[in-house]
Amino acid sequence: MEKKLNFTDQALNQINLITKGDDKKFFRITVQGGGCSGFKYNFGFAKKLNDDDVLFGKTIIDKFSLDIISGSEIDFKKEMIGEAFVINNPKATASCGCGLSFSV
């Protein structure tokens, strides 16, 4: 089964903007255990692909994380209180107020 993600135009524009330069070649999304709901999203940068990474344009996601967020929409929101990447994950059964922690 093919793993799919949908990136909004706002997310793609922000990823292209923040990955300019040699030290930030790729934008990395990972899912880690922890947070107040069981899992948490982590965003960072990487210079190279690992063996278990899947490439989506300039974004890389390891296979474990992709299993959890497959089918999600990746968005970038600018609001009065700040700006951030937001993952709308249809598999999430609960989330906390910070928007980065969730359970499946």
PDB file of N, CA and C in Angstrom:
ATOM      1  N   MET A   1       0.839  -1.183   0.000  1.00  0.00           N
ATOM      2  CA  MET A   1       0.000   0.000   0.000  1.00  0.00           C
ATOM      3  C   MET A   1       0.884   1.246   0.000  1.00  0.00           C
ATOM      4  N   GLU A   2       0.609   2.155  -0.895  1.00  0.00           N
ATOM      5  CA  GLU A   2       1.403   3.374  -1.019  1.00  0.00           C
ATOM      6  C   GLU A   2       1.084   4.340   0.118  1.00  0.00           C
ATOM      7  N   LYS A   3       2.104   4.904   0.690  1.00  0.00           N
ATOM      8  CA  LYS A   3       1.954   5.877   1.775  1.00  0.00           C
ATOM      9  C   LYS A   3       1.842   7.259   1.150  1.00  0.00           C
ATOM     10  N   LYS A   4       0.800   7.981   1.523  1.00  0.00           N
ATOM     11  CA  LYS A   4       0.572   9.289   0.926  1.00  0.00           C
ATOM     12  C   LYS A   4       0.492  10.373   1.981  1.00  0.00           C
ATOM     13  N   LEU A   5       0.953  11.550   1.595  1.00  0.00           N
ATOM     14  CA  LEU A   5       0.814  12.757   2.393  1.00  0.00           C
ATOM     15  C   LEU A   5       0.372  13.868   1.461  1.00  0.00           C
ATOM     16  N   ASN A   6      -0.403  14.781   1.981  1.00  0.00           N
ATOM     17  CA  ASN A   6      -0.830  15.945   1.208  1.00  0.00           C
ATOM     18  C   ASN A   6      -0.191  17.180   1.838  1.00  0.00           C
ATOM     19  N   PHE A   7       0.549  17.933   1.052  1.00  0.00           N
ATOM     20  CA  PHE A   7       1.177  19.163   1.506  1.00  0.00           C
ATOM     21  C   PHE A   7       0.396  20.338   0.935  1.00  0.00           C
ATOM     22  N   THR A   8      -0.031  21.266   1.791  1.00  0.00           N
ATOM     23  CA  THR A   8      -0.699  22.468   1.304  1.00  0.00           C
ATOM     24  C   THR A   8       0.340  23.359   0.617  1.00  0.00           C
ATOM     25  N   ASP A   9      -0.138  24.293  -0.172  1.00  0.00           N
ATOM     26  CA  ASP A   9       0.772  25.240  -0.823  1.00  0.00           C
ATOM     27  C   ASP A   9       1.565  26.037   0.214  1.00  0.00           C
ATOM     28  N   GLN A  10       0.915  26.399   1.325  1.00  0.00           N
ATOM     29  CA  GLN A  10       1.595  27.157   2.383  1.00  0.00           C
ATOM     30  C   GLN A  10       2.744  26.331   2.963  1.00  0.00           C
ATOM     31  N   ALA A  11       2.518  25.037   3.184  1.00  0.00           N
ATOM     32  CA  ALA A  11       3.570  24.179   3.725  1.00  0.00           C
ATOM     33  C   ALA A  11       4.720  24.042   2.735  1.00  0.00           C
ATOM     34  N   LEU A  12       4.406  23.794   1.473  1.00  0.00           N
ATOM     35  CA  LEU A  12       5.458  23.647   0.460  1.00  0.00           C
ATOM     36  C   LEU A  12       6.284  24.921   0.331  1.00  0.00           C
ATOM     37  N   ASN A  13       5.621  26.068   0.339  1.00  0.00           N
ATOM     38  CA  ASN A  13       6.346  27.342   0.245  1.00  0.00           C
ATOM     39  C   ASN A  13       7.283  27.532   1.435  1.00  0.00           C
ATOM     40  N   GLN A  14       6.813  27.212   2.639  1.00  0.00           N
ATOM     41  CA  GLN A  14       7.643  27.376   3.833  1.00  0.00           C
ATOM     42  C   GLN A  14       8.796  26.385   3.830  1.00  0.00           C
ATOM     43  N   ILE A  15       8.554  25.141   3.420  1.00  0.00           N
ATOM     44  CA  ILE A  15       9.621  24.137   3.359  1.00  0.00           C
ATOM     45  C   ILE A  15      10.694  24.573   2.369  1.00  0.00           C
ATOM     46  N   ASN A  16      10.283  25.066   1.205  1.00  0.00           N
ATOM     47  CA  ASN A  16      11.258  25.548   0.220  1.00  0.00           C
ATOM     48  C   ASN A  16      12.055  26.730   0.764  1.00  0.00           C
ATOM     49  N   LEU A  17      11.398  27.598   1.513  1.00  0.00           N
ATOM     50  CA  LEU A  17      12.064  28.766   2.079  1.00  0.00           C
ATOM     51  C   LEU A  17      13.094  28.365   3.139  1.00  0.00           C
ATOM     52  N   ILE A  18      12.735  27.457   4.034  1.00  0.00           N
ATOM     53  CA  ILE A  18      13.632  27.134   5.152  1.00  0.00           C
ATOM     54  C   ILE A  18      14.705  26.107   4.801  1.00  0.00           C
ATOM     55  N   THR A  19      14.597  25.464   3.647  1.00  0.00           N
ATOM     56  CA  THR A  19      15.629  24.485   3.269  1.00  0.00           C
ATOM     57  C   THR A  19      16.656  25.069   2.313  1.00  0.00           C
ATOM     58  N   LYS A  20      16.628  26.356   2.106  1.00  0.00           N
ATOM     59  CA  LYS A  20      17.653  26.975   1.266  1.00  0.00           C
ATOM     60  C   LYS A  20      18.982  26.958   2.008  1.00  0.00           C
ATOM     61  N   GLY A  21      20.033  26.594   1.302  1.00  0.00           N
ATOM     62  CA  GLY A  21      21.361  26.542   1.905  1.00  0.00           C
ATOM     63  C   GLY A  21      21.820  25.108   2.097  1.00  0.00           C
ATOM     64  N   ASP A  22      23.126  24.908   2.116  1.00  0.00           N
ATOM     65  CA  ASP A  22      23.704  23.562   2.187  1.00  0.00           C
ATOM     66  C   ASP A  22      23.441  22.832   3.500  1.00  0.00           C
ATOM     67  N   ASP A  23      23.397  23.567   4.629  1.00  0.00           N
ATOM     68  CA  ASP A  23      23.263  22.904   5.920  1.00  0.00           C
ATOM     69  C   ASP A  23      21.832  22.468   6.233  1.00  0.00           C
ATOM     70  N   LYS A  24      20.865  22.886   5.421  1.00  0.00           N
ATOM     71  CA  LYS A  24      19.466  22.525   5.638  1.00  0.00           C
ATOM     72  C   LYS A  24      18.880  21.975   4.343  1.00  0.00           C
ATOM     73  N   LYS A  25      19.482  20.933   3.821  1.00  0.00           N
ATOM     74  CA  LYS A  25      19.080  20.411   2.520  1.00  0.00           C
ATOM     75  C   LYS A  25      17.662  19.836   2.531  1.00  0.00           C
ATOM     76  N   PHE A  26      17.288  19.144   3.623  1.00  0.00           N
ATOM     77  CA  PHE A  26      15.976  18.515   3.722  1.00  0.00           C
ATOM     78  C   PHE A  26      15.263  18.950   4.996  1.00  0.00           C
ATOM     79  N   PHE A  27      13.943  18.993   4.934  1.00  0.00           N
ATOM     80  CA  PHE A  27      13.090  19.201   6.096  1.00  0.00           C
ATOM     81  C   PHE A  27      12.676  17.816   6.575  1.00  0.00           C
ATOM     82  N   ARG A  28      12.894  17.511   7.864  1.00  0.00           N
ATOM     83  CA  ARG A  28      12.593  16.176   8.389  1.00  0.00           C
ATOM     84  C   ARG A  28      11.400  16.243   9.339  1.00  0.00           C
ATOM     85  N   ILE A  29      10.443  15.322   9.123  1.00  0.00           N
ATOM     86  CA  ILE A  29       9.322  15.137  10.036  1.00  0.00           C
ATOM     87  C   ILE A  29       9.471  13.758  10.665  1.00  0.00           C
ATOM     88  N   THR A  30       9.399  13.701  11.985  1.00  0.00           N
ATOM     89  CA  THR A  30       9.430  12.415  12.681  1.00  0.00           C
ATOM     90  C   THR A  30       8.309  12.369  13.711  1.00  0.00           C
ATOM     91  N   VAL A  31       7.927  11.154  14.043  1.00  0.00           N
ATOM     92  CA  VAL A  31       6.990  10.909  15.131  1.00  0.00           C
ATOM     93  C   VAL A  31       7.763  10.168  16.203  1.00  0.00           C
ATOM     94  N   GLN A  32       7.687  10.673  17.434  1.00  0.00           N
ATOM     95  CA  GLN A  32       8.414  10.070  18.544  1.00  0.00           C
ATOM     96  C   GLN A  32       7.437   9.739  19.665  1.00  0.00           C
ATOM     97  N   GLY A  33       7.781   8.733  20.438  1.00  0.00           N
ATOM     98  CA  GLY A  33       7.005   8.436  21.629  1.00  0.00           C
ATOM     99  C   GLY A  33       7.191   9.549  22.633  1.00  0.00           C
ATOM    100  N   GLY A  34       6.128   9.890  23.350  1.00  0.00           N
ATOM    101  CA  GLY A  34       6.211  10.943  24.354  1.00  0.00           C
ATOM    102  C   GLY A  34       5.113  11.952  24.185  1.00  0.00           C
ATOM    103  N   GLY A  35       5.277  13.076  24.802  1.00  0.00           N
ATOM    104  CA  GLY A  35       4.236  14.087  24.780  1.00  0.00           C
ATOM    105  C   GLY A  35       3.115  13.694  25.721  1.00  0.00           C
ATOM    106  N   CYS A  36       2.159  14.549  25.895  1.00  0.00           N
ATOM    107  CA  CYS A  36       1.098  14.275  26.869  1.00  0.00           C
ATOM    108  C   CYS A  36       0.021  13.339  26.325  1.00  0.00           C
ATOM    109  N   SER A  37       0.061  12.992  25.043  1.00  0.00           N
ATOM    110  CA  SER A  37      -0.957  12.103  24.477  1.00  0.00           C
ATOM    111  C   SER A  37      -0.388  10.795  23.926  1.00  0.00           C
ATOM    112  N   GLY A  38       0.906  10.554  24.047  1.00  0.00           N
ATOM    113  CA  GLY A  38       1.484   9.279  23.608  1.00  0.00           C
ATOM    114  C   GLY A  38       2.527   9.407  22.520  1.00  0.00           C
ATOM    115  N   PHE A  39       2.250  10.223  21.515  1.00  0.00           N
ATOM    116  CA  PHE A  39       3.194  10.494  20.435  1.00  0.00           C
ATOM    117  C   PHE A  39       3.334  11.993  20.275  1.00  0.00           C
ATOM    118  N   LYS A  40       4.454  12.410  19.674  1.00  0.00           N
ATOM    119  CA  LYS A  40       4.613  13.832  19.365  1.00  0.00           C
ATOM    120  C   LYS A  40       5.308  13.980  18.022  1.00  0.00           C
ATOM    121  N   TYR A  41       4.968  15.052  17.322  1.00  0.00           N
ATOM    122  CA  TYR A  41       5.606  15.387  16.056  1.00  0.00           C
ATOM    123  C   TYR A  41       6.889  16.145  16.348  1.00  0.00           C
ATOM    124  N   ASN A  42       7.909  15.882  15.536  1.00  0.00           N
ATOM    125  CA  ASN A  42       9.168  16.597  15.661  1.00  0.00           C
ATOM    126  C   ASN A  42       9.570  17.071  14.262  1.00  0.00           C
ATOM    127  N   PHE A  43       9.972  18.322  14.171  1.00  0.00           N
ATOM    128  CA  PHE A  43      10.381  18.910  12.901  1.00  0.00           C
ATOM    129  C   PHE A  43      11.837  19.331  13.004  1.00  0.00           C
ATOM    130  N   GLY A  44      12.615  19.062  11.959  1.00  0.00           N
ATOM    131  CA  GLY A  44      14.025  19.429  11.969  1.00  0.00           C
ATOM    132  C   GLY A  44      14.588  19.445  10.562  1.00  0.00           C
ATOM    133  N   PHE A  45      15.906  19.389  10.485  1.00  0.00           N
ATOM    134  CA  PHE A  45      16.609  19.429   9.210  1.00  0.00           C
ATOM    135  C   PHE A  45      17.560  18.247   9.104  1.00  0.00           C
ATOM    136  N   ALA A  46      17.885  17.866   7.883  1.00  0.00           N
ATOM    137  CA  ALA A  46      18.844  16.790   7.641  1.00  0.00           C
ATOM    138  C   ALA A  46      19.628  17.114   6.378  1.00  0.00           C
ATOM    139  N   LYS A  47      20.871  16.676   6.369  1.00  0.00           N
ATOM    140  CA  LYS A  47      21.725  16.879   5.190  1.00  0.00           C
ATOM    141  C   LYS A  47      21.665  15.701   4.241  1.00  0.00           C
ATOM    142  N   LYS A  48      21.265  14.505   4.754  1.00  0.00           N
ATOM    143  CA  LYS A  48      21.261  13.322   3.892  1.00  0.00           C
ATOM    144  C   LYS A  48      20.116  12.400   4.284  1.00  0.00           C
ATOM    145  N   LEU A  49      19.811  11.490   3.374  1.00  0.00           N
ATOM    146  CA  LEU A  49      18.778  10.486   3.607  1.00  0.00           C
ATOM    147  C   LEU A  49      19.359   9.301   4.351  1.00  0.00           C
ATOM    148  N   ASN A  50      18.583   8.719   5.258  1.00  0.00           N
ATOM    149  CA  ASN A  50      18.941   7.469   5.910  1.00  0.00           C
ATOM    150  C   ASN A  50      18.296   6.318   5.143  1.00  0.00           C
ATOM    151  N   ASP A  51      18.714   5.092   5.429  1.00  0.00           N
ATOM    152  CA  ASP A  51      18.199   3.927   4.706  1.00  0.00           C
ATOM    153  C   ASP A  51      16.692   3.754   4.831  1.00  0.00           C
ATOM    154  N   ASP A  52      16.109   4.163   5.961  1.00  0.00           N
ATOM    155  CA  ASP A  52      14.672   3.966   6.174  1.00  0.00           C
ATOM    156  C   ASP A  52      13.844   5.216   5.886  1.00  0.00           C
ATOM    157  N   ASP A  53      14.418   6.190   5.175  1.00  0.00           N
ATOM    158  CA  ASP A  53      13.708   7.433   4.859  1.00  0.00           C
ATOM    159  C   ASP A  53      12.943   7.340   3.549  1.00  0.00           C
ATOM    160  N   VAL A  54      11.825   8.066   3.504  1.00  0.00           N
ATOM    161  CA  VAL A  54      11.040   8.222   2.284  1.00  0.00           C
ATOM    162  C   VAL A  54      11.059   9.711   1.957  1.00  0.00           C
ATOM    163  N   LEU A  55      11.283  10.031   0.689  1.00  0.00           N
ATOM    164  CA  LEU A  55      11.425  11.419   0.248  1.00  0.00           C
ATOM    165  C   LEU A  55      10.124  11.919  -0.370  1.00  0.00           C
ATOM    166  N   PHE A  56       9.680  13.087   0.077  1.00  0.00           N
ATOM    167  CA  PHE A  56       8.531  13.801  -0.490  1.00  0.00           C
ATOM    168  C   PHE A  56       9.035  15.184  -0.868  1.00  0.00           C
ATOM    169  N   GLY A  57       9.515  15.346  -2.088  1.00  0.00           N
ATOM    170  CA  GLY A  57      10.093  16.632  -2.491  1.00  0.00           C
ATOM    171  C   GLY A  57      11.324  16.926  -1.662  1.00  0.00           C
ATOM    172  N   LYS A  58      11.269  17.983  -0.842  1.00  0.00           N
ATOM    173  CA  LYS A  58      12.381  18.354   0.033  1.00  0.00           C
ATOM    174  C   LYS A  58      12.137  17.917   1.475  1.00  0.00           C
ATOM    175  N   THR A  59      11.125  17.069   1.679  1.00  0.00           N
ATOM    176  CA  THR A  59      10.791  16.582   3.018  1.00  0.00           C
ATOM    177  C   THR A  59      11.110  15.101   3.116  1.00  0.00           C
ATOM    178  N   ILE A  60      11.735  14.703   4.225  1.00  0.00           N
ATOM    179  CA  ILE A  60      12.008  13.283   4.453  1.00  0.00           C
ATOM    180  C   ILE A  60      11.320  12.832   5.744  1.00  0.00           C
ATOM    181  N   ILE A  61      10.824  11.591   5.670  1.00  0.00           N
ATOM    182  CA  ILE A  61      10.130  10.990   6.799  1.00  0.00           C
ATOM    183  C   ILE A  61      10.570   9.535   6.884  1.00  0.00           C
ATOM    184  N   ASP A  62      10.945   9.097   8.088  1.00  0.00           N
ATOM    185  CA  ASP A  62      11.331   7.696   8.241  1.00  0.00           C
ATOM    186  C   ASP A  62      10.082   6.812   8.144  1.00  0.00           C
ATOM    187  N   LYS A  63      10.282   5.548   7.795  1.00  0.00           N
ATOM    188  CA  LYS A  63       9.159   4.639   7.532  1.00  0.00           C
ATOM    189  C   LYS A  63       8.260   4.437   8.743  1.00  0.00           C
ATOM    190  N   PHE A  64       8.824   4.378   9.955  1.00  0.00           N
ATOM    191  CA  PHE A  64       8.010   4.234  11.160  1.00  0.00           C
ATOM    192  C   PHE A  64       7.065   5.419  11.303  1.00  0.00           C
ATOM    193  N   SER A  65       7.613   6.628  11.176  1.00  0.00           N
ATOM    194  CA  SER A  65       6.798   7.839  11.298  1.00  0.00           C
ATOM    195  C   SER A  65       5.754   7.911  10.191  1.00  0.00           C
ATOM    196  N   LEU A  66       6.143   7.522   8.990  1.00  0.00           N
ATOM    197  CA  LEU A  66       5.222   7.574   7.860  1.00  0.00           C
ATOM    198  C   LEU A  66       4.038   6.633   8.062  1.00  0.00           C
ATOM    199  N   ASP A  67       4.275   5.474   8.664  1.00  0.00           N
ATOM    200  CA  ASP A  67       3.164   4.566   8.961  1.00  0.00           C
ATOM    201  C   ASP A  67       2.114   5.251   9.831  1.00  0.00           C
ATOM    202  N   ILE A  68       2.559   6.083  10.748  1.00  0.00           N
ATOM    203  CA  ILE A  68       1.645   6.744  11.684  1.00  0.00           C
ATOM    204  C   ILE A  68       0.956   7.951  11.063  1.00  0.00           C
ATOM    205  N   ILE A  69       1.640   8.682  10.178  1.00  0.00           N
ATOM    206  CA  ILE A  69       1.037   9.903   9.629  1.00  0.00           C
ATOM    207  C   ILE A  69       0.577   9.768   8.182  1.00  0.00           C
ATOM    208  N   SER A  70       0.681   8.579   7.611  1.00  0.00           N
ATOM    209  CA  SER A  70       0.216   8.384   6.240  1.00  0.00           C
ATOM    210  C   SER A  70      -1.251   8.794   6.137  1.00  0.00           C
ATOM    211  N   GLY A  71      -1.581   9.528   5.079  1.00  0.00           N
ATOM    212  CA  GLY A  71      -2.939  10.026   4.876  1.00  0.00           C
ATOM    213  C   GLY A  71      -3.167  11.408   5.465  1.00  0.00           C
ATOM    214  N   SER A  72      -2.136  11.981   6.098  1.00  0.00           N
ATOM    215  CA  SER A  72      -2.265  13.288   6.752  1.00  0.00           C
ATOM    216  C   SER A  72      -2.066  14.435   5.773  1.00  0.00           C
ATOM    217  N   GLU A  73      -2.533  15.599   6.206  1.00  0.00           N
ATOM    218  CA  GLU A  73      -2.266  16.843   5.489  1.00  0.00           C
ATOM    219  C   GLU A  73      -1.251  17.634   6.308  1.00  0.00           C
ATOM    220  N   ILE A  74      -0.181  18.067   5.636  1.00  0.00           N
ATOM    221  CA  ILE A  74       0.850  18.895   6.259  1.00  0.00           C
ATOM    222  C   ILE A  74       0.556  20.333   5.852  1.00  0.00           C
ATOM    223  N   ASP A  75       0.371  21.204   6.842  1.00  0.00           N
ATOM    224  CA  ASP A  75       0.021  22.594   6.570  1.00  0.00           C
ATOM    225  C   ASP A  75       0.979  23.502   7.340  1.00  0.00           C
ATOM    226  N   PHE A  76       1.025  24.762   6.946  1.00  0.00           N
ATOM    227  CA  PHE A  76       1.786  25.771   7.673  1.00  0.00           C
ATOM    228  C   PHE A  76       0.843  26.924   7.926  1.00  0.00           C
ATOM    229  N   LYS A  77       0.637  27.239   9.198  1.00  0.00           N
ATOM    230  CA  LYS A  77      -0.323  28.280   9.567  1.00  0.00           C
ATOM    231  C   LYS A  77       0.390  29.466  10.189  1.00  0.00           C
ATOM    232  N   LYS A  78      -0.042  30.651   9.772  1.00  0.00           N
ATOM    233  CA  LYS A  78       0.426  31.900  10.371  1.00  0.00           C
ATOM    234  C   LYS A  78      -0.766  32.525  11.075  1.00  0.00           C
ATOM    235  N   GLU A  79      -0.628  32.680  12.391  1.00  0.00           N
ATOM    236  CA  GLU A  79      -1.691  33.268  13.191  1.00  0.00           C
ATOM    237  C   GLU A  79      -1.102  34.352  14.064  1.00  0.00           C
ATOM    238  N   MET A  80      -1.952  35.101  14.734  1.00  0.00           N
ATOM    239  CA  MET A  80      -1.468  36.196  15.571  1.00  0.00           C
ATOM    240  C   MET A  80      -0.533  35.718  16.675  1.00  0.00           C
ATOM    241  N   ILE A  81      -0.737  34.494  17.171  1.00  0.00           N
ATOM    242  CA  ILE A  81       0.095  33.997  18.272  1.00  0.00           C
ATOM    243  C   ILE A  81       1.379  33.334  17.788  1.00  0.00           C
ATOM    244  N   GLY A  82       1.533  33.218  16.486  1.00  0.00           N
ATOM    245  CA  GLY A  82       2.751  32.624  15.948  1.00  0.00           C
ATOM    246  C   GLY A  82       2.478  31.861  14.669  1.00  0.00           C
ATOM    247  N   GLU A  83       3.500  31.171  14.212  1.00  0.00           N
ATOM    248  CA  GLU A  83       3.380  30.374  12.999  1.00  0.00           C
ATOM    249  C   GLU A  83       4.009  29.017  13.242  1.00  0.00           C
ATOM    250  N   ALA A  84       3.422  27.987  12.597  1.00  0.00           N
ATOM    251  CA  ALA A  84       3.905  26.634  12.853  1.00  0.00           C
ATOM    252  C   ALA A  84       3.399  25.676  11.787  1.00  0.00           C
ATOM    253  N   PHE A  85       4.129  24.573  11.636  1.00  0.00           N
ATOM    254  CA  PHE A  85       3.641  23.476  10.819  1.00  0.00           C
ATOM    255  C   PHE A  85       2.565  22.746  11.613  1.00  0.00           C
ATOM    256  N   VAL A  86       1.521  22.326  10.918  1.00  0.00           N
ATOM    257  CA  VAL A  86       0.408  21.615  11.538  1.00  0.00           C
ATOM    258  C   VAL A  86       0.164  20.350  10.728  1.00  0.00           C
ATOM    259  N   ILE A  87       0.021  19.235  11.426  1.00  0.00           N
ATOM    260  CA  ILE A  87      -0.283  17.971  10.761  1.00  0.00           C
ATOM    261  C   ILE A  87      -1.702  17.579  11.121  1.00  0.00           C
ATOM    262  N   ASN A  88      -2.560  17.507  10.116  1.00  0.00           N
ATOM    263  CA  ASN A  88      -3.935  17.061  10.293  1.00  0.00           C
ATOM    264  C   ASN A  88      -3.956  15.568  10.013  1.00  0.00           C
ATOM    265  N   ASN A  89      -3.877  14.786  11.083  1.00  0.00           N
ATOM    266  CA  ASN A  89      -3.725  13.337  10.985  1.00  0.00           C
ATOM    267  C   ASN A  89      -5.071  12.650  11.219  1.00  0.00           C
ATOM    268  N   PRO A  90      -5.635  12.016  10.191  1.00  0.00           N
ATOM    269  CA  PRO A  90      -6.930  11.354  10.372  1.00  0.00           C
ATOM    270  C   PRO A  90      -6.858  10.138  11.296  1.00  0.00           C
ATOM    271  N   LYS A  91      -5.658   9.626  11.560  1.00  0.00           N
ATOM    272  CA  LYS A  91      -5.496   8.475  12.455  1.00  0.00           C
ATOM    273  C   LYS A  91      -5.461   8.886  13.925  1.00  0.00           C
ATOM    274  N   ALA A  92      -5.277  10.161  14.211  1.00  0.00           N
ATOM    275  CA  ALA A  92      -5.181  10.626  15.591  1.00  0.00           C
ATOM    276  C   ALA A  92      -6.558  10.546  16.249  1.00  0.00           C
ATOM    277  N   THR A  93      -6.613   9.845  17.359  1.00  0.00           N
ATOM    278  CA  THR A  93      -7.878   9.710  18.083  1.00  0.00           C
ATOM    279  C   THR A  93      -8.015  10.755  19.180  1.00  0.00           C
ATOM    280  N   ALA A  94      -6.916  11.345  19.591  1.00  0.00           N
ATOM    281  CA  ALA A  94      -6.921  12.396  20.604  1.00  0.00           C
ATOM    282  C   ALA A  94      -5.667  13.232  20.425  1.00  0.00           C
ATOM    283  N   SER A  95      -5.745  14.486  20.839  1.00  0.00           N
ATOM    284  CA  SER A  95      -4.564  15.352  20.800  1.00  0.00           C
ATOM    285  C   SER A  95      -4.635  16.316  21.972  1.00  0.00           C
ATOM    286  N   CYS A  96      -3.516  16.958  22.242  1.00  0.00           N
ATOM    287  CA  CYS A  96      -3.493  17.920  23.346  1.00  0.00           C
ATOM    288  C   CYS A  96      -3.563  19.332  22.791  1.00  0.00           C
ATOM    289  N   GLY A  97      -3.607  20.292  23.670  1.00  0.00           N
ATOM    290  CA  GLY A  97      -3.754  21.682  23.273  1.00  0.00           C
ATOM    291  C   GLY A  97      -2.608  22.247  22.468  1.00  0.00           C
ATOM    292  N   CYS A  98      -1.398  21.673  22.618  1.00  0.00           N
ATOM    293  CA  CYS A  98      -0.240  22.210  21.894  1.00  0.00           C
ATOM    294  C   CYS A  98      -0.283  21.854  20.412  1.00  0.00           C
ATOM    295  N   GLY A  99      -1.056  20.808  20.050  1.00  0.00           N
ATOM    296  CA  GLY A  99      -1.159  20.406  18.655  1.00  0.00           C
ATOM    297  C   GLY A  99      -0.023  19.543  18.171  1.00  0.00           C
ATOM    298  N   LEU A 100       0.978  19.294  19.012  1.00  0.00           N
ATOM    299  CA  LEU A 100       2.116  18.484  18.604  1.00  0.00           C
ATOM    300  C   LEU A 100       2.046  17.071  19.187  1.00  0.00           C
ATOM    301  N   SER A 101       1.203  16.861  20.175  1.00  0.00           N
ATOM    302  CA  SER A 101       1.102  15.571  20.830  1.00  0.00           C
ATOM    303  C   SER A 101      -0.234  14.935  20.497  1.00  0.00           C
ATOM    304  N   PHE A 102      -0.222  13.613  20.261  1.00  0.00           N
ATOM    305  CA  PHE A 102      -1.455  12.946  19.838  1.00  0.00           C
ATOM    306  C   PHE A 102      -1.394  11.463  20.186  1.00  0.00           C
ATOM    307  N   SER A 103      -2.530  10.793  20.059  1.00  0.00           N
ATOM    308  CA  SER A 103      -2.571   9.331  20.215  1.00  0.00           C
ATOM    309  C   SER A 103      -3.300   8.740  19.023  1.00  0.00           C
ATOM    310  N   VAL A 104      -2.999   7.469  18.729  1.00  0.00           N
ATOM    311  CA  VAL A 104      -3.650   6.767  17.618  1.00  0.00           C
ATOM    312  C   VAL A 104      -4.316   5.511  18.123  1.00  0.00           C
TER     313      VAL A 104
END
